[in-house]
Amino acid sequence: MTAQWHSVFSPLVPIHYGIGLMRYRVPRWQTPATPAPVMIGHSGAFGTVLYYVPDRDLYIAATVNQMRARSLSHVLLLRLATRFSAIGTAPQMFC
């Protein structure tokens, strides 16, 4: 399921598809201050995300429960993943 990744829209979009999974990888030039970790999972249609950060053994499940700002859930996902990667340890549960 993760052997090959294909661009969704263009190489500049950070989401790539495998077979049933997405890889969310933000290029270094888009996050110059703090590198964003590679995340594997899936995004839902209504502002939900469920991703795994292999480098930190971190699972992130989040929702913003709306469709108006479709990228809002990915902004939240990136913020959580970079914050926990910078800390070095992930909490068991985050609310």
PDB file of N, CA and C in Angstrom:
ATOM      1  N   MET A   1       0.815  -1.208   0.000  1.00  0.00           N
ATOM      2  CA  MET A   1       0.000   0.000   0.000  1.00  0.00           C
ATOM      3  C   MET A   1       0.852   1.263   0.000  1.00  0.00           C
ATOM      4  N   THR A   2       2.098   1.140   0.391  1.00  0.00           N
ATOM      5  CA  THR A   2       2.956   2.317   0.447  1.00  0.00           C
ATOM      6  C   THR A   2       4.167   2.202  -0.476  1.00  0.00           C
ATOM      7  N   ALA A   3       4.175   1.249  -1.396  1.00  0.00           N
ATOM      8  CA  ALA A   3       5.324   1.060  -2.269  1.00  0.00           C
ATOM      9  C   ALA A   3       5.455   2.169  -3.307  1.00  0.00           C
ATOM     10  N   GLN A   4       4.334   2.683  -3.805  1.00  0.00           N
ATOM     11  CA  GLN A   4       4.358   3.740  -4.806  1.00  0.00           C
ATOM     12  C   GLN A   4       3.390   4.842  -4.405  1.00  0.00           C
ATOM     13  N   TRP A   5       3.842   6.076  -4.561  1.00  0.00           N
ATOM     14  CA  TRP A   5       3.009   7.237  -4.262  1.00  0.00           C
ATOM     15  C   TRP A   5       2.800   8.029  -5.545  1.00  0.00           C
ATOM     16  N   HIS A   6       1.586   8.531  -5.731  1.00  0.00           N
ATOM     17  CA  HIS A   6       1.244   9.297  -6.925  1.00  0.00           C
ATOM     18  C   HIS A   6       0.715  10.664  -6.510  1.00  0.00           C
ATOM     19  N   SER A   7       1.131  11.706  -7.230  1.00  0.00           N
ATOM     20  CA  SER A   7       0.665  13.064  -6.937  1.00  0.00           C
ATOM     21  C   SER A   7      -0.834  13.163  -7.142  1.00  0.00           C
ATOM     22  N   VAL A   8      -1.489  13.907  -6.281  1.00  0.00           N
ATOM     23  CA  VAL A   8      -2.928  14.093  -6.392  1.00  0.00           C
ATOM     24  C   VAL A   8      -3.239  15.103  -7.486  1.00  0.00           C
ATOM     25  N   PHE A   9      -2.683  16.287  -7.372  1.00  0.00           N
ATOM     26  CA  PHE A   9      -2.950  17.351  -8.334  1.00  0.00           C
ATOM     27  C   PHE A   9      -1.692  17.731  -9.109  1.00  0.00           C
ATOM     28  N   SER A  10      -0.621  17.990  -8.384  1.00  0.00           N
ATOM     29  CA  SER A  10       0.654  18.362  -8.980  1.00  0.00           C
ATOM     30  C   SER A  10       1.756  18.021  -7.980  1.00  0.00           C
ATOM     31  N   PRO A  11       3.005  18.022  -8.407  1.00  0.00           N
ATOM     32  CA  PRO A  11       4.098  17.739  -7.465  1.00  0.00           C
ATOM     33  C   PRO A  11       4.200  18.767  -6.331  1.00  0.00           C
ATOM     34  N   LEU A  12       3.597  19.940  -6.490  1.00  0.00           N
ATOM     35  CA  LEU A  12       3.658  20.969  -5.446  1.00  0.00           C
ATOM     36  C   LEU A  12       2.665  20.745  -4.315  1.00  0.00           C
ATOM     37  N   VAL A  13       1.641  19.922  -4.547  1.00  0.00           N
ATOM     38  CA  VAL A  13       0.658  19.609  -3.511  1.00  0.00           C
ATOM     39  C   VAL A  13       1.257  18.547  -2.599  1.00  0.00           C
ATOM     40  N   PRO A  14       1.234  18.759  -1.271  1.00  0.00           N
ATOM     41  CA  PRO A  14       1.928  17.843  -0.371  1.00  0.00           C
ATOM     42  C   PRO A  14       1.240  16.498  -0.131  1.00  0.00           C
ATOM     43  N   ILE A  15       0.119  16.224  -0.782  1.00  0.00           N
ATOM     44  CA  ILE A  15      -0.599  14.964  -0.567  1.00  0.00           C
ATOM     45  C   ILE A  15      -0.386  14.050  -1.765  1.00  0.00           C
ATOM     46  N   HIS A  16       0.027  12.812  -1.485  1.00  0.00           N
ATOM     47  CA  HIS A  16       0.215  11.793  -2.508  1.00  0.00           C
ATOM     48  C   HIS A  16      -0.581  10.549  -2.103  1.00  0.00           C
ATOM     49  N   TYR A  17      -1.073   9.819  -3.109  1.00  0.00           N
ATOM     50  CA  TYR A  17      -1.842   8.608  -2.849  1.00  0.00           C
ATOM     51  C   TYR A  17      -1.020   7.359  -3.087  1.00  0.00           C
ATOM     52  N   GLY A  18      -1.229   6.366  -2.231  1.00  0.00           N
ATOM     53  CA  GLY A  18      -0.742   5.009  -2.456  1.00  0.00           C
ATOM     54  C   GLY A  18      -1.964   4.204  -2.847  1.00  0.00           C
ATOM     55  N   ILE A  19      -2.130   3.026  -2.276  1.00  0.00           N
ATOM     56  CA  ILE A  19      -3.343   2.247  -2.497  1.00  0.00           C
ATOM     57  C   ILE A  19      -4.157   2.340  -1.216  1.00  0.00           C
ATOM     58  N   GLY A  20      -5.104   3.272  -1.170  1.00  0.00           N
ATOM     59  CA  GLY A  20      -5.961   3.435  -0.011  1.00  0.00           C
ATOM     60  C   GLY A  20      -5.398   4.325   1.084  1.00  0.00           C
ATOM     61  N   LEU A  21      -4.171   4.775   0.949  1.00  0.00           N
ATOM     62  CA  LEU A  21      -3.552   5.639   1.949  1.00  0.00           C
ATOM     63  C   LEU A  21      -3.036   6.915   1.306  1.00  0.00           C
ATOM     64  N   MET A  22      -2.882   7.933   2.126  1.00  0.00           N
ATOM     65  CA  MET A  22      -2.281   9.181   1.680  1.00  0.00           C
ATOM     66  C   MET A  22      -0.960   9.387   2.405  1.00  0.00           C
ATOM     67  N   ARG A  23      -0.031  10.013   1.724  1.00  0.00           N
ATOM     68  CA  ARG A  23       1.203  10.451   2.368  1.00  0.00           C
ATOM     69  C   ARG A  23       1.202  11.971   2.329  1.00  0.00           C
ATOM     70  N   TYR A  24       1.287  12.571   3.505  1.00  0.00           N
ATOM     71  CA  TYR A  24       1.302  14.024   3.618  1.00  0.00           C
ATOM     72  C   TYR A  24       2.735  14.421   3.942  1.00  0.00           C
ATOM     73  N   ARG A  25       3.396  14.989   2.952  1.00  0.00           N
ATOM     74  CA  ARG A  25       4.796  15.374   3.111  1.00  0.00           C
ATOM     75  C   ARG A  25       4.961  16.791   2.597  1.00  0.00           C
ATOM     76  N   VAL A  26       5.182  17.714   3.505  1.00  0.00           N
ATOM     77  CA  VAL A  26       5.343  19.120   3.151  1.00  0.00           C
ATOM     78  C   VAL A  26       6.808  19.360   2.802  1.00  0.00           C
ATOM     79  N   PRO A  27       7.078  19.960   1.638  1.00  0.00           N
ATOM     80  CA  PRO A  27       8.465  20.231   1.265  1.00  0.00           C
ATOM     81  C   PRO A  27       9.152  21.157   2.274  1.00  0.00           C
ATOM     82  N   ARG A  28      10.433  20.975   2.408  1.00  0.00           N
ATOM     83  CA  ARG A  28      11.223  21.759   3.376  1.00  0.00           C
ATOM     84  C   ARG A  28      11.121  23.259   3.123  1.00  0.00           C
ATOM     85  N   TRP A  29      11.019  23.669   1.859  1.00  0.00           N
ATOM     86  CA  TRP A  29      10.950  25.100   1.564  1.00  0.00           C
ATOM     87  C   TRP A  29       9.640  25.729   2.032  1.00  0.00           C
ATOM     88  N   GLN A  30       8.605  24.914   2.279  1.00  0.00           N
ATOM     89  CA  GLN A  30       7.339  25.451   2.767  1.00  0.00           C
ATOM     90  C   GLN A  30       7.308  25.564   4.289  1.00  0.00           C
ATOM     91  N   THR A  31       8.203  24.884   4.972  1.00  0.00           N
ATOM     92  CA  THR A  31       8.307  24.969   6.432  1.00  0.00           C
ATOM     93  C   THR A  31       9.769  25.200   6.811  1.00  0.00           C
ATOM     94  N   PRO A  32      10.304  26.380   6.524  1.00  0.00           N
ATOM     95  CA  PRO A  32      11.735  26.613   6.751  1.00  0.00           C
ATOM     96  C   PRO A  32      12.144  26.631   8.223  1.00  0.00           C
ATOM     97  N   ALA A  33      11.274  27.063   9.105  1.00  0.00           N
ATOM     98  CA  ALA A  33      11.634  27.170  10.522  1.00  0.00           C
ATOM     99  C   ALA A  33      11.683  25.803  11.205  1.00  0.00           C
ATOM    100  N   THR A  34      10.670  25.000  10.983  1.00  0.00           N
ATOM    101  CA  THR A  34      10.586  23.679  11.604  1.00  0.00           C
ATOM    102  C   THR A  34      10.245  22.655  10.535  1.00  0.00           C
ATOM    103  N   PRO A  35      11.091  21.656  10.312  1.00  0.00           N
ATOM    104  CA  PRO A  35      10.763  20.651   9.295  1.00  0.00           C
ATOM    105  C   PRO A  35       9.530  19.846   9.695  1.00  0.00           C
ATOM    106  N   ALA A  36       8.673  19.614   8.722  1.00  0.00           N
ATOM    107  CA  ALA A  36       7.457  18.841   8.967  1.00  0.00           C
ATOM    108  C   ALA A  36       7.746  17.360   8.744  1.00  0.00           C
ATOM    109  N   PRO A  37       7.302  16.502   9.653  1.00  0.00           N
ATOM    110  CA  PRO A  37       7.530  15.062   9.469  1.00  0.00           C
ATOM    111  C   PRO A  37       6.621  14.487   8.391  1.00  0.00           C
ATOM    112  N   VAL A  38       7.018  13.377   7.825  1.00  0.00           N
ATOM    113  CA  VAL A  38       6.187  12.661   6.863  1.00  0.00           C
ATOM    114  C   VAL A  38       5.081  11.955   7.634  1.00  0.00           C
ATOM    115  N   MET A  39       3.848  12.046   7.129  1.00  0.00           N
ATOM    116  CA  MET A  39       2.701  11.430   7.791  1.00  0.00           C
ATOM    117  C   MET A  39       1.970  10.531   6.801  1.00  0.00           C
ATOM    118  N   ILE A  40       1.502   9.389   7.271  1.00  0.00           N
ATOM    119  CA  ILE A  40       0.781   8.444   6.429  1.00  0.00           C
ATOM    120  C   ILE A  40      -0.577   8.186   7.059  1.00  0.00           C
ATOM    121  N   GLY A  41      -1.633   8.302   6.263  1.00  0.00           N
ATOM    122  CA  GLY A  41      -2.976   8.092   6.785  1.00  0.00           C
ATOM    123  C   GLY A  41      -4.013   8.439   5.747  1.00  0.00           C
ATOM    124  N   HIS A  42      -5.034   9.172   6.179  1.00  0.00           N
ATOM    125  CA  HIS A  42      -6.091   9.580   5.252  1.00  0.00           C
ATOM    126  C   HIS A  42      -6.837  10.777   5.796  1.00  0.00           C
ATOM    127  N   SER A  43      -7.373  11.572   4.871  1.00  0.00           N
ATOM    128  CA  SER A  43      -8.195  12.730   5.214  1.00  0.00           C
ATOM    129  C   SER A  43      -9.631  12.446   4.813  1.00  0.00           C
ATOM    130  N   GLY A  44     -10.550  12.848   5.659  1.00  0.00           N
ATOM    131  CA  GLY A  44     -11.962  12.662   5.353  1.00  0.00           C
ATOM    132  C   GLY A  44     -12.531  13.854   4.609  1.00  0.00           C
ATOM    133  N   ALA A  45     -13.779  13.769   4.236  1.00  0.00           N
ATOM    134  CA  ALA A  45     -14.419  14.823   3.458  1.00  0.00           C
ATOM    135  C   ALA A  45     -14.907  15.987   4.314  1.00  0.00           C
ATOM    136  N   PHE A  46     -15.110  15.786   5.592  1.00  0.00           N
ATOM    137  CA  PHE A  46     -15.694  16.826   6.434  1.00  0.00           C
ATOM    138  C   PHE A  46     -14.721  17.357   7.471  1.00  0.00           C
ATOM    139  N   GLY A  47     -13.472  17.574   7.079  1.00  0.00           N
ATOM    140  CA  GLY A  47     -12.505  18.162   7.987  1.00  0.00           C
ATOM    141  C   GLY A  47     -11.930  17.202   9.002  1.00  0.00           C
ATOM    142  N   THR A  48     -11.851  15.915   8.653  1.00  0.00           N
ATOM    143  CA  THR A  48     -11.282  14.926   9.570  1.00  0.00           C
ATOM    144  C   THR A  48      -9.952  14.412   9.016  1.00  0.00           C
ATOM    145  N   VAL A  49      -9.051  14.068   9.907  1.00  0.00           N
ATOM    146  CA  VAL A  49      -7.771  13.481   9.512  1.00  0.00           C
ATOM    147  C   VAL A  49      -7.399  12.378  10.490  1.00  0.00           C
ATOM    148  N   LEU A  50      -6.737  11.365   9.980  1.00  0.00           N
ATOM    149  CA  LEU A  50      -6.161  10.308  10.798  1.00  0.00           C
ATOM    150  C   LEU A  50      -4.831   9.951  10.148  1.00  0.00           C
ATOM    151  N   TYR A  51      -3.754  10.306  10.809  1.00  0.00           N
ATOM    152  CA  TYR A  51      -2.421  10.089  10.242  1.00  0.00           C
ATOM    153  C   TYR A  51      -1.489   9.490  11.280  1.00  0.00           C
ATOM    154  N   TYR A  52      -0.472   8.817  10.761  1.00  0.00           N
ATOM    155  CA  TYR A  52       0.571   8.207  11.579  1.00  0.00           C
ATOM    156  C   TYR A  52       1.894   8.847  11.189  1.00  0.00           C
ATOM    157  N   VAL A  53       2.693   9.249  12.195  1.00  0.00           N
ATOM    158  CA  VAL A  53       4.015   9.821  11.979  1.00  0.00           C
ATOM    159  C   VAL A  53       5.029   8.736  12.346  1.00  0.00           C
ATOM    160  N   PRO A  54       5.576   8.031  11.344  1.00  0.00           N
ATOM    161  CA  PRO A  54       6.469   6.904  11.633  1.00  0.00           C
ATOM    162  C   PRO A  54       7.715   7.288  12.433  1.00  0.00           C
ATOM    163  N   ASP A  55       8.273   8.464  12.181  1.00  0.00           N
ATOM    164  CA  ASP A  55       9.495   8.871  12.881  1.00  0.00           C
ATOM    165  C   ASP A  55       9.315   9.004  14.382  1.00  0.00           C
ATOM    166  N   ARG A  56       8.096   9.262  14.822  1.00  0.00           N
ATOM    167  CA  ARG A  56       7.820   9.477  16.247  1.00  0.00           C
ATOM    168  C   ARG A  56       6.866   8.456  16.840  1.00  0.00           C
ATOM    169  N   ASP A  57       6.421   7.489  16.046  1.00  0.00           N
ATOM    170  CA  ASP A  57       5.415   6.527  16.485  1.00  0.00           C
ATOM    171  C   ASP A  57       4.222   7.270  17.088  1.00  0.00           C
ATOM    172  N   LEU A  58       3.742   8.249  16.345  1.00  0.00           N
ATOM    173  CA  LEU A  58       2.683   9.155  16.788  1.00  0.00           C
ATOM    174  C   LEU A  58       1.465   9.007  15.884  1.00  0.00           C
ATOM    175  N   TYR A  59       0.300   8.843  16.489  1.00  0.00           N
ATOM    176  CA  TYR A  59      -0.968   8.811  15.763  1.00  0.00           C
ATOM    177  C   TYR A  59      -1.708  10.097  16.050  1.00  0.00           C
ATOM    178  N   ILE A  60      -2.234  10.720  14.995  1.00  0.00           N
ATOM    179  CA  ILE A  60      -2.994  11.961  15.159  1.00  0.00           C
ATOM    180  C   ILE A  60      -4.359  11.777  14.516  1.00  0.00           C
ATOM    181  N   ALA A  61      -5.402  11.940  15.313  1.00  0.00           N
ATOM    182  CA  ALA A  61      -6.777  11.922  14.833  1.00  0.00           C
ATOM    183  C   ALA A  61      -7.375  13.265  15.209  1.00  0.00           C
ATOM    184  N   ALA A  62      -7.922  13.965  14.237  1.00  0.00           N
ATOM    185  CA  ALA A  62      -8.463  15.295  14.514  1.00  0.00           C
ATOM    186  C   ALA A  62      -9.640  15.571  13.604  1.00  0.00           C
ATOM    187  N   THR A  63     -10.475  16.492  14.035  1.00  0.00           N
ATOM    188  CA  THR A  63     -11.591  16.937  13.209  1.00  0.00           C
ATOM    189  C   THR A  63     -11.884  18.399  13.499  1.00  0.00           C
ATOM    190  N   VAL A  64     -12.329  19.093  12.478  1.00  0.00           N
ATOM    191  CA  VAL A  64     -12.792  20.469  12.644  1.00  0.00           C
ATOM    192  C   VAL A  64     -14.285  20.550  12.323  1.00  0.00           C
ATOM    193  N   ASN A  65     -14.889  19.404  11.941  1.00  0.00           N
ATOM    194  CA  ASN A  65     -16.334  19.264  11.734  1.00  0.00           C
ATOM    195  C   ASN A  65     -16.953  20.326  10.843  1.00  0.00           C
ATOM    196  N   GLN A  66     -16.309  20.602   9.735  1.00  0.00           N
ATOM    197  CA  GLN A  66     -16.882  21.542   8.784  1.00  0.00           C
ATOM    198  C   GLN A  66     -16.202  21.387   7.438  1.00  0.00           C
ATOM    199  N   MET A  67     -16.832  21.919   6.380  1.00  0.00           N
ATOM    200  CA  MET A  67     -16.272  21.801   5.041  1.00  0.00           C
ATOM    201  C   MET A  67     -15.913  23.137   4.420  1.00  0.00           C
ATOM    202  N   ARG A  68     -16.210  24.230   5.075  1.00  0.00           N
ATOM    203  CA  ARG A  68     -16.003  25.536   4.440  1.00  0.00           C
ATOM    204  C   ARG A  68     -14.536  25.801   4.137  1.00  0.00           C
ATOM    205  N   ALA A  69     -13.680  25.609   5.107  1.00  0.00           N
ATOM    206  CA  ALA A  69     -12.242  25.774   4.890  1.00  0.00           C
ATOM    207  C   ALA A  69     -11.614  24.391   4.835  1.00  0.00           C
ATOM    208  N   ARG A  70     -11.569  23.796   3.657  1.00  0.00           N
ATOM    209  CA  ARG A  70     -11.136  22.400   3.522  1.00  0.00           C
ATOM    210  C   ARG A  70      -9.718  22.161   3.987  1.00  0.00           C
ATOM    211  N   SER A  71      -8.856  23.143   3.912  1.00  0.00           N
ATOM    212  CA  SER A  71      -7.466  22.937   4.311  1.00  0.00           C
ATOM    213  C   SER A  71      -7.249  23.123   5.808  1.00  0.00           C
ATOM    214  N   LEU A  72      -8.269  23.553   6.545  1.00  0.00           N
ATOM    215  CA  LEU A  72      -8.117  23.805   7.977  1.00  0.00           C
ATOM    216  C   LEU A  72      -7.669  22.555   8.742  1.00  0.00           C
ATOM    217  N   SER A  73      -8.209  21.400   8.410  1.00  0.00           N
ATOM    218  CA  SER A  73      -7.808  20.179   9.113  1.00  0.00           C
ATOM    219  C   SER A  73      -6.340  19.848   8.852  1.00  0.00           C
ATOM    220  N   HIS A  74      -5.832  20.154   7.668  1.00  0.00           N
ATOM    221  CA  HIS A  74      -4.422  19.896   7.372  1.00  0.00           C
ATOM    222  C   HIS A  74      -3.510  20.912   8.064  1.00  0.00           C
ATOM    223  N   VAL A  75      -3.985  22.117   8.222  1.00  0.00           N
ATOM    224  CA  VAL A  75      -3.221  23.110   8.988  1.00  0.00           C
ATOM    225  C   VAL A  75      -3.089  22.644  10.435  1.00  0.00           C
ATOM    226  N   LEU A  76      -4.182  22.160  11.014  1.00  0.00           N
ATOM    227  CA  LEU A  76      -4.167  21.618  12.376  1.00  0.00           C
ATOM    228  C   LEU A  76      -3.255  20.393  12.458  1.00  0.00           C
ATOM    229  N   LEU A  77      -3.359  19.494  11.491  1.00  0.00           N
ATOM    230  CA  LEU A  77      -2.524  18.298  11.459  1.00  0.00           C
ATOM    231  C   LEU A  77      -1.041  18.661  11.442  1.00  0.00           C
ATOM    232  N   LEU A  78      -0.665  19.576  10.582  1.00  0.00           N
ATOM    233  CA  LEU A  78       0.734  19.981  10.475  1.00  0.00           C
ATOM    234  C   LEU A  78       1.223  20.643  11.757  1.00  0.00           C
ATOM    235  N   ARG A  79       0.383  21.468  12.360  1.00  0.00           N
ATOM    236  CA  ARG A  79       0.753  22.132  13.611  1.00  0.00           C
ATOM    237  C   ARG A  79       0.986  21.126  14.737  1.00  0.00           C
ATOM    238  N   LEU A  80       0.091  20.156  14.871  1.00  0.00           N
ATOM    239  CA  LEU A  80       0.245  19.129  15.911  1.00  0.00           C
ATOM    240  C   LEU A  80       1.475  18.262  15.673  1.00  0.00           C
ATOM    241  N   ALA A  81       1.673  17.832  14.436  1.00  0.00           N
ATOM    242  CA  ALA A  81       2.803  16.945  14.133  1.00  0.00           C
ATOM    243  C   ALA A  81       4.141  17.642  14.345  1.00  0.00           C
ATOM    244  N   THR A  82       4.267  18.886  13.926  1.00  0.00           N
ATOM    245  CA  THR A  82       5.537  19.584  14.117  1.00  0.00           C
ATOM    246  C   THR A  82       5.769  19.911  15.583  1.00  0.00           C
ATOM    247  N   ARG A  83       4.715  20.232  16.327  1.00  0.00           N
ATOM    248  CA  ARG A  83       4.872  20.527  17.749  1.00  0.00           C
ATOM    249  C   ARG A  83       5.342  19.298  18.517  1.00  0.00           C
ATOM    250  N   PHE A  84       4.717  18.148  18.270  1.00  0.00           N
ATOM    251  CA  PHE A  84       5.106  16.932  18.986  1.00  0.00           C
ATOM    252  C   PHE A  84       6.456  16.410  18.513  1.00  0.00           C
ATOM    253  N   SER A  85       6.803  16.644  17.258  1.00  0.00           N
ATOM    254  CA  SER A  85       8.126  16.241  16.769  1.00  0.00           C
ATOM    255  C   SER A  85       9.207  17.098  17.407  1.00  0.00           C
ATOM    256  N   ALA A  86       8.922  18.364  17.626  1.00  0.00           N
ATOM    257  CA  ALA A  86       9.900  19.267  18.249  1.00  0.00           C
ATOM    258  C   ALA A  86      10.096  18.929  19.732  1.00  0.00           C
ATOM    259  N   ILE A  87       9.021  18.486  20.390  1.00  0.00           N
ATOM    260  CA  ILE A  87       9.099  18.130  21.800  1.00  0.00           C
ATOM    261  C   ILE A  87       9.949  16.881  21.980  1.00  0.00           C
ATOM    262  N   GLY A  88       9.830  15.952  21.061  1.00  0.00           N
ATOM    263  CA  GLY A  88      10.626  14.734  21.136  1.00  0.00           C
ATOM    264  C   GLY A  88       9.876  13.543  21.677  1.00  0.00           C
ATOM    265  N   THR A  89       8.803  13.786  22.417  1.00  0.00           N
ATOM    266  CA  THR A  89       7.973  12.693  22.903  1.00  0.00           C
ATOM    267  C   THR A  89       6.529  13.041  22.659  1.00  0.00           C
ATOM    268  N   ALA A  90       5.744  12.060  22.381  1.00  0.00           N
ATOM    269  CA  ALA A  90       4.332  12.281  22.119  1.00  0.00           C
ATOM    270  C   ALA A  90       3.509  11.913  23.329  1.00  0.00           C
ATOM    271  N   PRO A  91       2.477  12.692  23.640  1.00  0.00           N
ATOM    272  CA  PRO A  91       1.608  12.317  24.741  1.00  0.00           C
ATOM    273  C   PRO A  91       0.770  11.102  24.353  1.00  0.00           C
ATOM    274  N   GLN A  92       0.283  10.380  25.316  1.00  0.00           N
ATOM    275  CA  GLN A  92      -0.569   9.229  25.037  1.00  0.00           C
ATOM    276  C   GLN A  92      -1.925   9.658  24.496  1.00  0.00           C
ATOM    277  N   MET A  93      -2.405  10.807  24.950  1.00  0.00           N
ATOM    278  CA  MET A  93      -3.684  11.304  24.466  1.00  0.00           C
ATOM    279  C   MET A  93      -3.652  12.815  24.523  1.00  0.00           C
ATOM    280  N   PHE A  94      -4.212  13.454  23.509  1.00  0.00           N
ATOM    281  CA  PHE A  94      -4.255  14.907  23.449  1.00  0.00           C
ATOM    282  C   PHE A  94      -5.673  15.311  23.097  1.00  0.00           C
ATOM    283  N   CYS A  95      -6.248  16.196  23.877  1.00  0.00           N
ATOM    284  CA  CYS A  95      -7.617  16.639  23.610  1.00  0.00           C
ATOM    285  C   CYS A  95      -7.618  18.105  23.248  1.00  0.00           C
TER     286      CYS A  95
END
